[in-house]
C-alpha cells in the first residue's frame, strides 16, 4: 500500500476509534440549553476579578516566554501575590532542563496529608503572543479557585481531600522540558496518592452562532454541537470515569453548556496540555478547555488579547469548575 493510502486508512481508523469511544461514553446530566440566566451580583464580581487577572497577565505583562525572563518573573510574582492575598502559602518549584528550566508555583488546601487532587493552569506563552486565552484565562480561574475554596477547606479540612493548585511554567515547551513533567515525576517519586488531575487550558472563548465549532476529526461533528458555546472536559480512555464525574458535577451546578470526551491517545489533540504528563505516571487526568484553535482564531497569535474573551462565560466556567472540585475533593464519611 502506498504511503498516502496508508495514511488515509490510518486516519480513518483513528477517526472511527475516537468516534466510537465518544459515542460509547454517555455523559451524565443534561446539557444546558437556551439563553444564560441573568447574572447574580456574586457572578458579576467574579467576572470583574477574572478580567483584572487577565488584563494584568496578558495586558500589562504581555508575552510570558522563556526568551523574556523578566515577564515570566512578573507573572510569577503576580500569581504568588494573588494566592497570598487569599491566605494561602505558596511554594516555588524551580527545575532545570535542556531549555534552561523554569519555576512552577503551587499551593495546597485542605488536610496536610492523604490523597491528593491536582488542578493546574500554565502561565507561560509562545514567544510573541500575550496569551489572554492561552492561558491567562486558565490562570485567572486558578487564582479565583484558590480565593473561593480556601475558606471552605480551612474551615472543615476533615470534609475534604487535599487539593493542590499548580501554575505551571513551560507548557509551551515540548516534553520532557515542560514544568508539568517535573512536577508529575516529583509526585510519583514521593509516592503521593494522586486521585486525579484537571488542567485548565483556555477557558475564555465562546460563540453562540452556528458552525463556529470545528473538530480535529470531522466525524466528531455528528456527536458534538457545532456552536462554540460550551466548555469541554477532554481526557483519554483511561480517564473516562473522571471525565464522566466532572461533566456530571458541572452540569449539576452550572448553566453554561459543557461536553465530555474520552478518546484513544491516538487522537493526539486530546493530549495537548499539562494533563498528559500525569498520564505518564498513571494518574487519571483531563483538560478543561474551550477547545483552542478549533473555535478561537487568535490562538498563538499577537491578537490573543484581553478584549477578545467572553468574561461572563469565563466566570460561569470558573464557578462551575469550583463546583466540580468540591465534588471531587469531598471526603466520604467512610474514608
C-alpha atoms as a PDB file:
ATOM      1  CA  UNK A   1       0.000   0.000   0.000  1.00  0.00           C
ATOM      2  CA  UNK A   2       1.364   3.430  -0.916  1.00  0.00           C
ATOM      3  CA  UNK A   3       2.187   5.932   1.824  1.00  0.00           C
ATOM      4  CA  UNK A   4      -0.753   8.245   1.071  1.00  0.00           C
ATOM      5  CA  UNK A   5      -3.185   5.357   1.101  1.00  0.00           C
ATOM      6  CA  UNK A   6      -1.742   4.031   4.348  1.00  0.00           C
ATOM      7  CA  UNK A   7      -2.080   7.447   5.957  1.00  0.00           C
ATOM      8  CA  UNK A   8      -5.674   7.716   4.772  1.00  0.00           C
ATOM      9  CA  UNK A   9      -6.529   4.313   6.221  1.00  0.00           C
ATOM     10  CA  UNK A  10      -4.789   5.190   9.486  1.00  0.00           C
ATOM     11  CA  UNK A  11      -6.646   8.493   9.723  1.00  0.00           C
ATOM     12  CA  UNK A  12      -9.962   6.768   9.105  1.00  0.00           C
ATOM     13  CA  UNK A  13      -9.175   4.164  11.746  1.00  0.00           C
ATOM     14  CA  UNK A  14      -8.261   6.838  14.288  1.00  0.00           C
ATOM     15  CA  UNK A  15     -11.418   8.791  13.499  1.00  0.00           C
ATOM     16  CA  UNK A  16     -13.554   5.687  13.853  1.00  0.00           C
ATOM     17  CA  UNK A  17     -11.947   4.774  17.164  1.00  0.00           C
ATOM     18  CA  UNK A  18     -12.360   8.283  18.506  1.00  0.00           C
ATOM     19  CA  UNK A  19     -15.992   8.498  17.462  1.00  0.00           C
ATOM     20  CA  UNK A  20     -16.778   5.043  18.809  1.00  0.00           C
ATOM     21  CA  UNK A  21     -15.209   5.973  22.141  1.00  0.00           C
ATOM     22  CA  UNK A  22     -17.136   9.227  22.396  1.00  0.00           C
ATOM     23  CA  UNK A  23     -20.445   7.648  21.455  1.00  0.00           C
ATOM     24  CA  UNK A  24     -19.909   4.755  23.841  1.00  0.00           C
ATOM     25  CA  UNK A  25     -19.255   7.111  26.755  1.00  0.00           C
ATOM     26  CA  UNK A  26     -22.650   8.527  27.673  1.00  0.00           C
ATOM     27  CA  UNK A  27     -22.340  11.626  29.832  1.00  0.00           C
ATOM     28  CA  UNK A  28     -24.445  12.131  32.964  1.00  0.00           C
ATOM     29  CA  UNK A  29     -26.822  15.047  33.354  1.00  0.00           C
ATOM     30  CA  UNK A  30     -28.429  17.211  30.705  1.00  0.00           C
ATOM     31  CA  UNK A  31     -26.596  19.717  28.544  1.00  0.00           C
ATOM     32  CA  UNK A  32     -27.715  23.252  29.396  1.00  0.00           C
ATOM     33  CA  UNK A  33     -29.683  24.930  26.619  1.00  0.00           C
ATOM     34  CA  UNK A  34     -31.218  28.300  25.930  1.00  0.00           C
ATOM     35  CA  UNK A  35     -30.058  31.771  26.948  1.00  0.00           C
ATOM     36  CA  UNK A  36     -27.945  32.255  30.039  1.00  0.00           C
ATOM     37  CA  UNK A  37     -29.778  33.459  33.152  1.00  0.00           C
ATOM     38  CA  UNK A  38     -29.284  36.984  34.466  1.00  0.00           C
ATOM     39  CA  UNK A  39     -26.033  37.063  36.460  1.00  0.00           C
ATOM     40  CA  UNK A  40     -26.024  37.336  40.228  1.00  0.00           C
ATOM     41  CA  UNK A  41     -24.077  40.074  41.962  1.00  0.00           C
ATOM     42  CA  UNK A  42     -21.516  37.469  43.020  1.00  0.00           C
ATOM     43  CA  UNK A  43     -21.011  36.345  39.420  1.00  0.00           C
ATOM     44  CA  UNK A  44     -20.599  39.936  38.231  1.00  0.00           C
ATOM     45  CA  UNK A  45     -17.925  40.469  40.893  1.00  0.00           C
ATOM     46  CA  UNK A  46     -16.168  37.257  39.840  1.00  0.00           C
ATOM     47  CA  UNK A  47     -16.275  38.388  36.223  1.00  0.00           C
ATOM     48  CA  UNK A  48     -14.581  41.658  37.205  1.00  0.00           C
ATOM     49  CA  UNK A  49     -11.816  39.898  39.134  1.00  0.00           C
ATOM     50  CA  UNK A  50     -11.148  37.489  36.275  1.00  0.00           C
ATOM     51  CA  UNK A  51     -10.888  40.394  33.850  1.00  0.00           C
ATOM     52  CA  UNK A  52      -8.397  42.101  36.175  1.00  0.00           C
ATOM     53  CA  UNK A  53      -6.203  38.982  36.294  1.00  0.00           C
ATOM     54  CA  UNK A  54      -6.243  38.562  32.511  1.00  0.00           C
ATOM     55  CA  UNK A  55      -5.517  42.234  31.886  1.00  0.00           C
ATOM     56  CA  UNK A  56      -2.591  42.103  34.303  1.00  0.00           C
ATOM     57  CA  UNK A  57      -1.054  38.964  32.799  1.00  0.00           C
ATOM     58  CA  UNK A  58      -1.825  39.435  29.101  1.00  0.00           C
ATOM     59  CA  UNK A  59      -2.244  43.208  29.008  1.00  0.00           C
ATOM     60  CA  UNK A  60       0.328  44.796  31.289  1.00  0.00           C
ATOM     61  CA  UNK A  61       2.910  41.972  31.387  1.00  0.00           C
ATOM     62  CA  UNK A  62       2.304  40.597  27.889  1.00  0.00           C
ATOM     63  CA  UNK A  63       4.126  37.615  26.333  1.00  0.00           C
ATOM     64  CA  UNK A  64       5.480  35.274  29.022  1.00  0.00           C
ATOM     65  CA  UNK A  65       8.062  33.212  27.179  1.00  0.00           C
ATOM     66  CA  UNK A  66      11.439  31.884  28.321  1.00  0.00           C
ATOM     67  CA  UNK A  67      13.056  34.424  25.983  1.00  0.00           C
ATOM     68  CA  UNK A  68      11.525  37.094  28.275  1.00  0.00           C
ATOM     69  CA  UNK A  69      12.638  36.072  31.779  1.00  0.00           C
ATOM     70  CA  UNK A  70      11.579  39.417  33.215  1.00  0.00           C
ATOM     71  CA  UNK A  71       7.986  38.912  32.095  1.00  0.00           C
ATOM     72  CA  UNK A  72       7.916  35.375  33.462  1.00  0.00           C
ATOM     73  CA  UNK A  73       9.217  36.710  36.767  1.00  0.00           C
ATOM     74  CA  UNK A  74       6.497  39.366  36.884  1.00  0.00           C
ATOM     75  CA  UNK A  75       3.856  36.737  36.191  1.00  0.00           C
ATOM     76  CA  UNK A  76       5.200  34.531  38.982  1.00  0.00           C
ATOM     77  CA  UNK A  77       5.170  37.452  41.407  1.00  0.00           C
ATOM     78  CA  UNK A  78       1.581  38.308  40.489  1.00  0.00           C
ATOM     79  CA  UNK A  79       0.373  34.717  40.941  1.00  0.00           C
ATOM     80  CA  UNK A  80       2.124  34.466  44.305  1.00  0.00           C
ATOM     81  CA  UNK A  81       0.696  37.822  45.428  1.00  0.00           C
ATOM     82  CA  UNK A  82      -2.844  36.794  44.467  1.00  0.00           C
ATOM     83  CA  UNK A  83      -2.680  33.475  46.299  1.00  0.00           C
ATOM     84  CA  UNK A  84      -1.083  35.017  49.380  1.00  0.00           C
ATOM     85  CA  UNK A  85      -3.833  37.630  49.428  1.00  0.00           C
ATOM     86  CA  UNK A  86      -6.255  34.680  49.741  1.00  0.00           C
ATOM     87  CA  UNK A  87      -4.350  33.472  52.799  1.00  0.00           C
ATOM     88  CA  UNK A  88      -2.542  30.652  51.002  1.00  0.00           C
ATOM     89  CA  UNK A  89       1.049  29.513  51.393  1.00  0.00           C
ATOM     90  CA  UNK A  90       2.837  29.489  48.040  1.00  0.00           C
ATOM     91  CA  UNK A  91       5.711  27.189  47.090  1.00  0.00           C
ATOM     92  CA  UNK A  92       8.121  27.780  44.217  1.00  0.00           C
ATOM     93  CA  UNK A  93       9.455  24.701  42.426  1.00  0.00           C
ATOM     94  CA  UNK A  94      12.496  25.536  40.275  1.00  0.00           C
ATOM     95  CA  UNK A  95      13.734  22.921  37.828  1.00  0.00           C
ATOM     96  CA  UNK A  96      16.476  22.613  35.233  1.00  0.00           C
ATOM     97  CA  UNK A  97      16.082  21.387  31.661  1.00  0.00           C
ATOM     98  CA  UNK A  98      17.813  21.439  28.300  1.00  0.00           C
ATOM     99  CA  UNK A  99      15.846  24.627  27.574  1.00  0.00           C
ATOM    100  CA  UNK A 100      17.173  26.346  30.677  1.00  0.00           C
ATOM    101  CA  UNK A 101      14.477  25.328  33.155  1.00  0.00           C
ATOM    102  CA  UNK A 102      11.726  27.257  34.842  1.00  0.00           C
ATOM    103  CA  UNK A 103       9.683  27.645  38.008  1.00  0.00           C
ATOM    104  CA  UNK A 104       6.335  26.107  38.923  1.00  0.00           C
ATOM    105  CA  UNK A 105       4.226  27.599  41.708  1.00  0.00           C
ATOM    106  CA  UNK A 106       1.831  25.623  43.866  1.00  0.00           C
ATOM    107  CA  UNK A 107      -0.345  25.880  46.931  1.00  0.00           C
ATOM    108  CA  UNK A 108      -2.425  23.370  48.864  1.00  0.00           C
ATOM    109  CA  UNK A 109      -5.837  23.475  50.501  1.00  0.00           C
ATOM    110  CA  UNK A 110      -7.405  21.080  52.970  1.00  0.00           C
ATOM    111  CA  UNK A 111      -5.662  18.452  55.090  1.00  0.00           C
ATOM    112  CA  UNK A 112      -1.878  18.308  55.239  1.00  0.00           C
ATOM    113  CA  UNK A 113      -1.671  14.669  54.147  1.00  0.00           C
ATOM    114  CA  UNK A 114      -3.640  11.983  52.380  1.00  0.00           C
ATOM    115  CA  UNK A 115      -4.996  11.558  48.846  1.00  0.00           C
ATOM    116  CA  UNK A 116      -4.383  14.468  46.513  1.00  0.00           C
ATOM    117  CA  UNK A 117      -6.217  16.175  43.656  1.00  0.00           C
ATOM    118  CA  UNK A 118      -4.321  18.487  41.300  1.00  0.00           C
ATOM    119  CA  UNK A 119      -5.787  21.416  39.340  1.00  0.00           C
ATOM    120  CA  UNK A 120      -3.463  23.461  37.134  1.00  0.00           C
ATOM    121  CA  UNK A 121      -3.050  26.167  34.523  1.00  0.00           C
ATOM    122  CA  UNK A 122       0.097  27.365  32.744  1.00  0.00           C
ATOM    123  CA  UNK A 123       1.360  30.924  32.951  1.00  0.00           C
ATOM    124  CA  UNK A 124       3.841  30.854  30.057  1.00  0.00           C
ATOM    125  CA  UNK A 125       3.027  31.703  26.428  1.00  0.00           C
ATOM    126  CA  UNK A 126       4.517  31.243  22.989  1.00  0.00           C
ATOM    127  CA  UNK A 127       7.111  33.843  22.052  1.00  0.00           C
ATOM    128  CA  UNK A 128       5.057  36.692  20.595  1.00  0.00           C
ATOM    129  CA  UNK A 129       1.563  36.176  21.976  1.00  0.00           C
ATOM    130  CA  UNK A 130       0.213  37.942  25.072  1.00  0.00           C
ATOM    131  CA  UNK A 131      -1.782  34.770  25.726  1.00  0.00           C
ATOM    132  CA  UNK A 132      -5.064  36.164  27.037  1.00  0.00           C
ATOM    133  CA  UNK A 133      -6.957  32.943  26.376  1.00  0.00           C
ATOM    134  CA  UNK A 134      -3.831  30.758  26.241  1.00  0.00           C
ATOM    135  CA  UNK A 135      -3.571  30.655  29.180  1.00  0.00           C
ATOM    136  CA  UNK A 136      -4.170  33.786  31.237  1.00  0.00           C
ATOM    137  CA  UNK A 137      -7.823  32.710  31.283  1.00  0.00           C
ATOM    138  CA  UNK A 138      -6.869  29.436  32.968  1.00  0.00           C
ATOM    139  CA  UNK A 139      -4.533  31.154  35.440  1.00  0.00           C
ATOM    140  CA  UNK A 140      -7.241  33.679  36.310  1.00  0.00           C
ATOM    141  CA  UNK A 141      -9.642  30.821  37.047  1.00  0.00           C
ATOM    142  CA  UNK A 142      -6.956  29.047  39.098  1.00  0.00           C
ATOM    143  CA  UNK A 143      -6.383  32.155  41.227  1.00  0.00           C
ATOM    144  CA  UNK A 144     -10.103  32.531  41.853  1.00  0.00           C
ATOM    145  CA  UNK A 145     -10.436  28.848  42.747  1.00  0.00           C
ATOM    146  CA  UNK A 146      -7.898  29.476  45.482  1.00  0.00           C
ATOM    147  CA  UNK A 147      -9.748  32.543  46.730  1.00  0.00           C
ATOM    148  CA  UNK A 148     -13.138  30.825  46.692  1.00  0.00           C
ATOM    149  CA  UNK A 149     -12.213  27.419  48.082  1.00  0.00           C
ATOM    150  CA  UNK A 150      -9.569  28.357  50.667  1.00  0.00           C
ATOM    151  CA  UNK A 151     -12.075  29.416  53.368  1.00  0.00           C
ATOM    152  CA  UNK A 152     -14.200  26.300  52.837  1.00  0.00           C
ATOM    153  CA  UNK A 153     -11.258  23.905  53.016  1.00  0.00           C
ATOM    154  CA  UNK A 154      -9.727  25.710  56.013  1.00  0.00           C
ATOM    155  CA  UNK A 155     -12.974  25.698  57.988  1.00  0.00           C
ATOM    156  CA  UNK A 156     -13.589  21.963  57.564  1.00  0.00           C
ATOM    157  CA  UNK A 157     -10.435  20.134  56.406  1.00  0.00           C
ATOM    158  CA  UNK A 158     -11.926  16.859  57.623  1.00  0.00           C
ATOM    159  CA  UNK A 159     -14.619  17.130  54.943  1.00  0.00           C
ATOM    160  CA  UNK A 160     -12.166  17.410  52.068  1.00  0.00           C
ATOM    161  CA  UNK A 161      -9.350  15.560  50.419  1.00  0.00           C
ATOM    162  CA  UNK A 162      -6.205  17.521  49.743  1.00  0.00           C
ATOM    163  CA  UNK A 163      -6.256  19.922  46.795  1.00  0.00           C
ATOM    164  CA  UNK A 164      -3.120  21.216  45.090  1.00  0.00           C
ATOM    165  CA  UNK A 165      -3.366  24.196  42.735  1.00  0.00           C
ATOM    166  CA  UNK A 166      -0.381  24.498  40.384  1.00  0.00           C
ATOM    167  CA  UNK A 167       0.694  27.258  37.997  1.00  0.00           C
ATOM    168  CA  UNK A 168       2.987  25.519  35.521  1.00  0.00           C
ATOM    169  CA  UNK A 169       5.861  27.006  33.572  1.00  0.00           C
ATOM    170  CA  UNK A 170       6.953  25.769  30.130  1.00  0.00           C
ATOM    171  CA  UNK A 171       3.695  24.237  28.916  1.00  0.00           C
ATOM    172  CA  UNK A 172       4.532  25.662  25.504  1.00  0.00           C
ATOM    173  CA  UNK A 173       7.893  23.842  25.568  1.00  0.00           C
ATOM    174  CA  UNK A 174       7.898  20.241  24.299  1.00  0.00           C
ATOM    175  CA  UNK A 175       8.219  17.449  26.856  1.00  0.00           C
ATOM    176  CA  UNK A 176      10.410  16.479  28.660  1.00  0.00           C
ATOM    177  CA  UNK A 177      11.165  20.153  29.404  1.00  0.00           C
ATOM    178  CA  UNK A 178       7.596  21.016  30.493  1.00  0.00           C
ATOM    179  CA  UNK A 179       7.140  22.190  34.049  1.00  0.00           C
ATOM    180  CA  UNK A 180       4.353  19.646  34.482  1.00  0.00           C
ATOM    181  CA  UNK A 181       6.753  16.833  33.586  1.00  0.00           C
ATOM    182  CA  UNK A 182       8.966  17.687  36.541  1.00  0.00           C
ATOM    183  CA  UNK A 183       6.048  18.178  38.908  1.00  0.00           C
ATOM    184  CA  UNK A 184       4.386  14.885  37.982  1.00  0.00           C
ATOM    185  CA  UNK A 185       7.660  12.997  38.338  1.00  0.00           C
ATOM    186  CA  UNK A 186       8.260  14.579  41.739  1.00  0.00           C
ATOM    187  CA  UNK A 187       4.838  13.489  42.963  1.00  0.00           C
ATOM    188  CA  UNK A 188       5.476   9.962  41.708  1.00  0.00           C
ATOM    189  CA  UNK A 189       8.878   9.873  43.425  1.00  0.00           C
ATOM    190  CA  UNK A 190       7.253  10.971  46.691  1.00  0.00           C
ATOM    191  CA  UNK A 191       4.716   8.171  46.424  1.00  0.00           C
ATOM    192  CA  UNK A 192       1.838  10.659  46.504  1.00  0.00           C
ATOM    193  CA  UNK A 193      -1.627   9.172  46.071  1.00  0.00           C
ATOM    194  CA  UNK A 194      -2.875  11.419  43.268  1.00  0.00           C
ATOM    195  CA  UNK A 195      -6.535  10.658  42.607  1.00  0.00           C
ATOM    196  CA  UNK A 196      -6.843  12.824  39.521  1.00  0.00           C
ATOM    197  CA  UNK A 197      -5.709  15.965  37.712  1.00  0.00           C
ATOM    198  CA  UNK A 198      -7.504  18.752  35.827  1.00  0.00           C
ATOM    199  CA  UNK A 199      -5.653  21.143  33.510  1.00  0.00           C
ATOM    200  CA  UNK A 200      -7.406  24.479  32.885  1.00  0.00           C
ATOM    201  CA  UNK A 201      -6.369  25.090  29.271  1.00  0.00           C
ATOM    202  CA  UNK A 202      -8.050  28.113  27.653  1.00  0.00           C
ATOM    203  CA  UNK A 203     -11.459  28.906  29.157  1.00  0.00           C
ATOM    204  CA  UNK A 204     -12.484  32.255  27.683  1.00  0.00           C
ATOM    205  CA  UNK A 205     -13.545  31.886  24.017  1.00  0.00           C
ATOM    206  CA  UNK A 206     -17.186  31.234  23.086  1.00  0.00           C
ATOM    207  CA  UNK A 207     -19.520  31.873  20.162  1.00  0.00           C
ATOM    208  CA  UNK A 208     -23.223  31.021  20.053  1.00  0.00           C
ATOM    209  CA  UNK A 209     -23.521  31.277  16.255  1.00  0.00           C
ATOM    210  CA  UNK A 210     -23.998  28.090  14.183  1.00  0.00           C
ATOM    211  CA  UNK A 211     -20.969  26.404  12.622  1.00  0.00           C
ATOM    212  CA  UNK A 212     -18.412  28.173  14.814  1.00  0.00           C
ATOM    213  CA  UNK A 213     -17.057  24.971  16.362  1.00  0.00           C
ATOM    214  CA  UNK A 214     -14.612  22.802  14.439  1.00  0.00           C
ATOM    215  CA  UNK A 215     -13.123  19.426  15.329  1.00  0.00           C
ATOM    216  CA  UNK A 216      -9.803  17.601  14.932  1.00  0.00           C
ATOM    217  CA  UNK A 217     -11.767  14.798  13.264  1.00  0.00           C
ATOM    218  CA  UNK A 218     -14.741  15.897  11.146  1.00  0.00           C
ATOM    219  CA  UNK A 219     -16.865  12.921  12.224  1.00  0.00           C
ATOM    220  CA  UNK A 220     -16.997  14.339  15.744  1.00  0.00           C
ATOM    221  CA  UNK A 221     -19.383  16.965  14.397  1.00  0.00           C
ATOM    222  CA  UNK A 222     -22.011  14.216  14.239  1.00  0.00           C
ATOM    223  CA  UNK A 223     -21.855  13.912  18.022  1.00  0.00           C
ATOM    224  CA  UNK A 224     -20.978  17.361  19.348  1.00  0.00           C
ATOM    225  CA  UNK A 225     -22.596  20.749  18.811  1.00  0.00           C
ATOM    226  CA  UNK A 226     -21.210  22.968  16.064  1.00  0.00           C
ATOM    227  CA  UNK A 227     -21.997  26.047  18.169  1.00  0.00           C
ATOM    228  CA  UNK A 228     -18.897  27.060  20.129  1.00  0.00           C
ATOM    229  CA  UNK A 229     -20.894  27.874  23.249  1.00  0.00           C
ATOM    230  CA  UNK A 230     -19.699  25.140  25.609  1.00  0.00           C
ATOM    231  CA  UNK A 231     -16.853  24.109  27.887  1.00  0.00           C
ATOM    232  CA  UNK A 232     -15.236  20.727  27.202  1.00  0.00           C
ATOM    233  CA  UNK A 233     -13.774  18.110  29.549  1.00  0.00           C
ATOM    234  CA  UNK A 234     -11.333  16.066  27.453  1.00  0.00           C
ATOM    235  CA  UNK A 235      -9.379  13.004  28.560  1.00  0.00           C
ATOM    236  CA  UNK A 236      -8.012   9.703  27.366  1.00  0.00           C
ATOM    237  CA  UNK A 237      -9.931   6.444  27.597  1.00  0.00           C
ATOM    238  CA  UNK A 238      -8.242   5.521  30.888  1.00  0.00           C
ATOM    239  CA  UNK A 239      -9.600   8.778  32.358  1.00  0.00           C
ATOM    240  CA  UNK A 240     -13.178   8.208  31.198  1.00  0.00           C
ATOM    241  CA  UNK A 241     -14.667   7.867  34.687  1.00  0.00           C
ATOM    242  CA  UNK A 242     -13.038  11.144  35.728  1.00  0.00           C
ATOM    243  CA  UNK A 243     -14.487  12.787  32.610  1.00  0.00           C
ATOM    244  CA  UNK A 244     -17.934  11.458  33.499  1.00  0.00           C
ATOM    245  CA  UNK A 245     -17.703  12.672  37.099  1.00  0.00           C
ATOM    246  CA  UNK A 246     -16.591  16.136  36.038  1.00  0.00           C
ATOM    247  CA  UNK A 247     -19.286  16.538  33.391  1.00  0.00           C
ATOM    248  CA  UNK A 248     -21.989  15.334  35.773  1.00  0.00           C
ATOM    249  CA  UNK A 249     -20.858  17.681  38.536  1.00  0.00           C
ATOM    250  CA  UNK A 250     -20.534  20.653  36.180  1.00  0.00           C
ATOM    251  CA  UNK A 251     -23.950  20.131  34.618  1.00  0.00           C
ATOM    252  CA  UNK A 252     -25.499  19.881  38.080  1.00  0.00           C
ATOM    253  CA  UNK A 253     -24.261  23.311  39.156  1.00  0.00           C
ATOM    254  CA  UNK A 254     -23.755  25.485  36.051  1.00  0.00           C
ATOM    255  CA  UNK A 255     -25.991  26.969  33.327  1.00  0.00           C
ATOM    256  CA  UNK A 256     -23.012  27.001  30.953  1.00  0.00           C
ATOM    257  CA  UNK A 257     -23.231  24.112  28.468  1.00  0.00           C
ATOM    258  CA  UNK A 258     -20.495  21.512  28.732  1.00  0.00           C
ATOM    259  CA  UNK A 259     -19.477  18.371  26.871  1.00  0.00           C
ATOM    260  CA  UNK A 260     -17.246  15.442  27.722  1.00  0.00           C
ATOM    261  CA  UNK A 261     -14.945  13.356  25.581  1.00  0.00           C
ATOM    262  CA  UNK A 262     -12.739  10.371  26.354  1.00  0.00           C
ATOM    263  CA  UNK A 263     -10.846   9.047  23.364  1.00  0.00           C
ATOM    264  CA  UNK A 264      -7.847   6.877  22.476  1.00  0.00           C
ATOM    265  CA  UNK A 265      -4.490   8.624  22.740  1.00  0.00           C
ATOM    266  CA  UNK A 266      -4.089   8.066  19.009  1.00  0.00           C
ATOM    267  CA  UNK A 267      -6.248  11.192  18.717  1.00  0.00           C
ATOM    268  CA  UNK A 268      -3.289  13.401  19.557  1.00  0.00           C
ATOM    269  CA  UNK A 269      -5.216  16.616  20.134  1.00  0.00           C
ATOM    270  CA  UNK A 270      -6.566  15.254  23.419  1.00  0.00           C
ATOM    271  CA  UNK A 271      -3.032  15.347  24.879  1.00  0.00           C
ATOM    272  CA  UNK A 272      -2.178  18.980  24.198  1.00  0.00           C
ATOM    273  CA  UNK A 273      -1.726  20.286  27.723  1.00  0.00           C
ATOM    274  CA  UNK A 274      -0.123  19.529  31.071  1.00  0.00           C
ATOM    275  CA  UNK A 275      -2.581  16.758  31.949  1.00  0.00           C
ATOM    276  CA  UNK A 276      -0.823  14.427  29.501  1.00  0.00           C
ATOM    277  CA  UNK A 277       2.250  14.378  31.746  1.00  0.00           C
ATOM    278  CA  UNK A 278       0.130  12.891  34.529  1.00  0.00           C
ATOM    279  CA  UNK A 279      -0.977  10.048  32.267  1.00  0.00           C
ATOM    280  CA  UNK A 280       2.685   9.059  32.207  1.00  0.00           C
ATOM    281  CA  UNK A 281       2.623   8.406  35.966  1.00  0.00           C
ATOM    282  CA  UNK A 282      -0.662   6.503  35.794  1.00  0.00           C
ATOM    283  CA  UNK A 283      -2.965   9.274  37.040  1.00  0.00           C
ATOM    284  CA  UNK A 284      -6.422   9.894  35.513  1.00  0.00           C
ATOM    285  CA  UNK A 285      -6.225  13.387  34.048  1.00  0.00           C
ATOM    286  CA  UNK A 286      -8.144  15.653  31.709  1.00  0.00           C
ATOM    287  CA  UNK A 287      -8.132  19.055  30.068  1.00  0.00           C
ATOM    288  CA  UNK A 288     -10.861  21.619  30.756  1.00  0.00           C
ATOM    289  CA  UNK A 289     -10.951  23.769  27.642  1.00  0.00           C
ATOM    290  CA  UNK A 290     -12.801  25.984  25.199  1.00  0.00           C
ATOM    291  CA  UNK A 291     -11.122  23.771  22.525  1.00  0.00           C
ATOM    292  CA  UNK A 292      -8.432  26.249  21.480  1.00  0.00           C
ATOM    293  CA  UNK A 293      -7.946  26.807  17.744  1.00  0.00           C
ATOM    294  CA  UNK A 294     -10.971  24.669  16.934  1.00  0.00           C
ATOM    295  CA  UNK A 295     -13.016  27.785  17.702  1.00  0.00           C
ATOM    296  CA  UNK A 296     -10.552  30.590  18.530  1.00  0.00           C
ATOM    297  CA  UNK A 297      -8.922  32.360  15.587  1.00  0.00           C
ATOM    298  CA  UNK A 298      -6.348  34.144  17.773  1.00  0.00           C
ATOM    299  CA  UNK A 299      -4.645  31.016  19.141  1.00  0.00           C
ATOM    300  CA  UNK A 300      -0.861  31.548  19.431  1.00  0.00           C
ATOM    301  CA  UNK A 301      -1.109  34.960  17.759  1.00  0.00           C
ATOM    302  CA  UNK A 302      -0.318  38.530  18.751  1.00  0.00           C
ATOM    303  CA  UNK A 303      -4.057  39.118  18.626  1.00  0.00           C
ATOM    304  CA  UNK A 304      -4.775  36.861  21.639  1.00  0.00           C
ATOM    305  CA  UNK A 305      -5.531  39.931  23.745  1.00  0.00           C
ATOM    306  CA  UNK A 306      -7.772  40.523  26.790  1.00  0.00           C
ATOM    307  CA  UNK A 307     -10.686  42.173  24.982  1.00  0.00           C
ATOM    308  CA  UNK A 308     -11.248  39.035  22.879  1.00  0.00           C
ATOM    309  CA  UNK A 309     -12.558  36.997  25.814  1.00  0.00           C
ATOM    310  CA  UNK A 310     -16.123  36.398  26.968  1.00  0.00           C
ATOM    311  CA  UNK A 311     -15.784  37.206  30.669  1.00  0.00           C
ATOM    312  CA  UNK A 312     -19.366  36.317  31.565  1.00  0.00           C
ATOM    313  CA  UNK A 313     -18.854  32.769  30.325  1.00  0.00           C
ATOM    314  CA  UNK A 314     -15.347  32.643  31.795  1.00  0.00           C
ATOM    315  CA  UNK A 315     -16.932  33.468  35.155  1.00  0.00           C
ATOM    316  CA  UNK A 316     -19.540  30.737  34.678  1.00  0.00           C
ATOM    317  CA  UNK A 317     -16.788  28.281  33.733  1.00  0.00           C
ATOM    318  CA  UNK A 318     -14.778  29.196  36.834  1.00  0.00           C
ATOM    319  CA  UNK A 319     -17.811  28.917  39.085  1.00  0.00           C
ATOM    320  CA  UNK A 320     -18.702  25.551  37.561  1.00  0.00           C
ATOM    321  CA  UNK A 321     -15.173  24.194  37.918  1.00  0.00           C
ATOM    322  CA  UNK A 322     -15.250  25.233  41.585  1.00  0.00           C
ATOM    323  CA  UNK A 323     -18.369  23.088  41.933  1.00  0.00           C
ATOM    324  CA  UNK A 324     -16.615  20.178  40.228  1.00  0.00           C
ATOM    325  CA  UNK A 325     -13.632  20.465  42.570  1.00  0.00           C
ATOM    326  CA  UNK A 326     -15.925  20.466  45.605  1.00  0.00           C
ATOM    327  CA  UNK A 327     -17.449  17.189  44.441  1.00  0.00           C
ATOM    328  CA  UNK A 328     -14.103  15.570  43.627  1.00  0.00           C
ATOM    329  CA  UNK A 329     -12.485  16.592  46.914  1.00  0.00           C
ATOM    330  CA  UNK A 330     -15.458  15.752  49.117  1.00  0.00           C
ATOM    331  CA  UNK A 331     -14.400  13.194  51.689  1.00  0.00           C
ATOM    332  CA  UNK A 332     -16.911  10.383  52.057  1.00  0.00           C
ATOM    333  CA  UNK A 333     -17.773   9.547  55.693  1.00  0.00           C
ATOM    334  CA  UNK A 334     -16.156   6.101  55.442  1.00  0.00           C
ATOM    335  CA  UNK A 335     -12.805   7.394  54.145  1.00  0.00           C
END
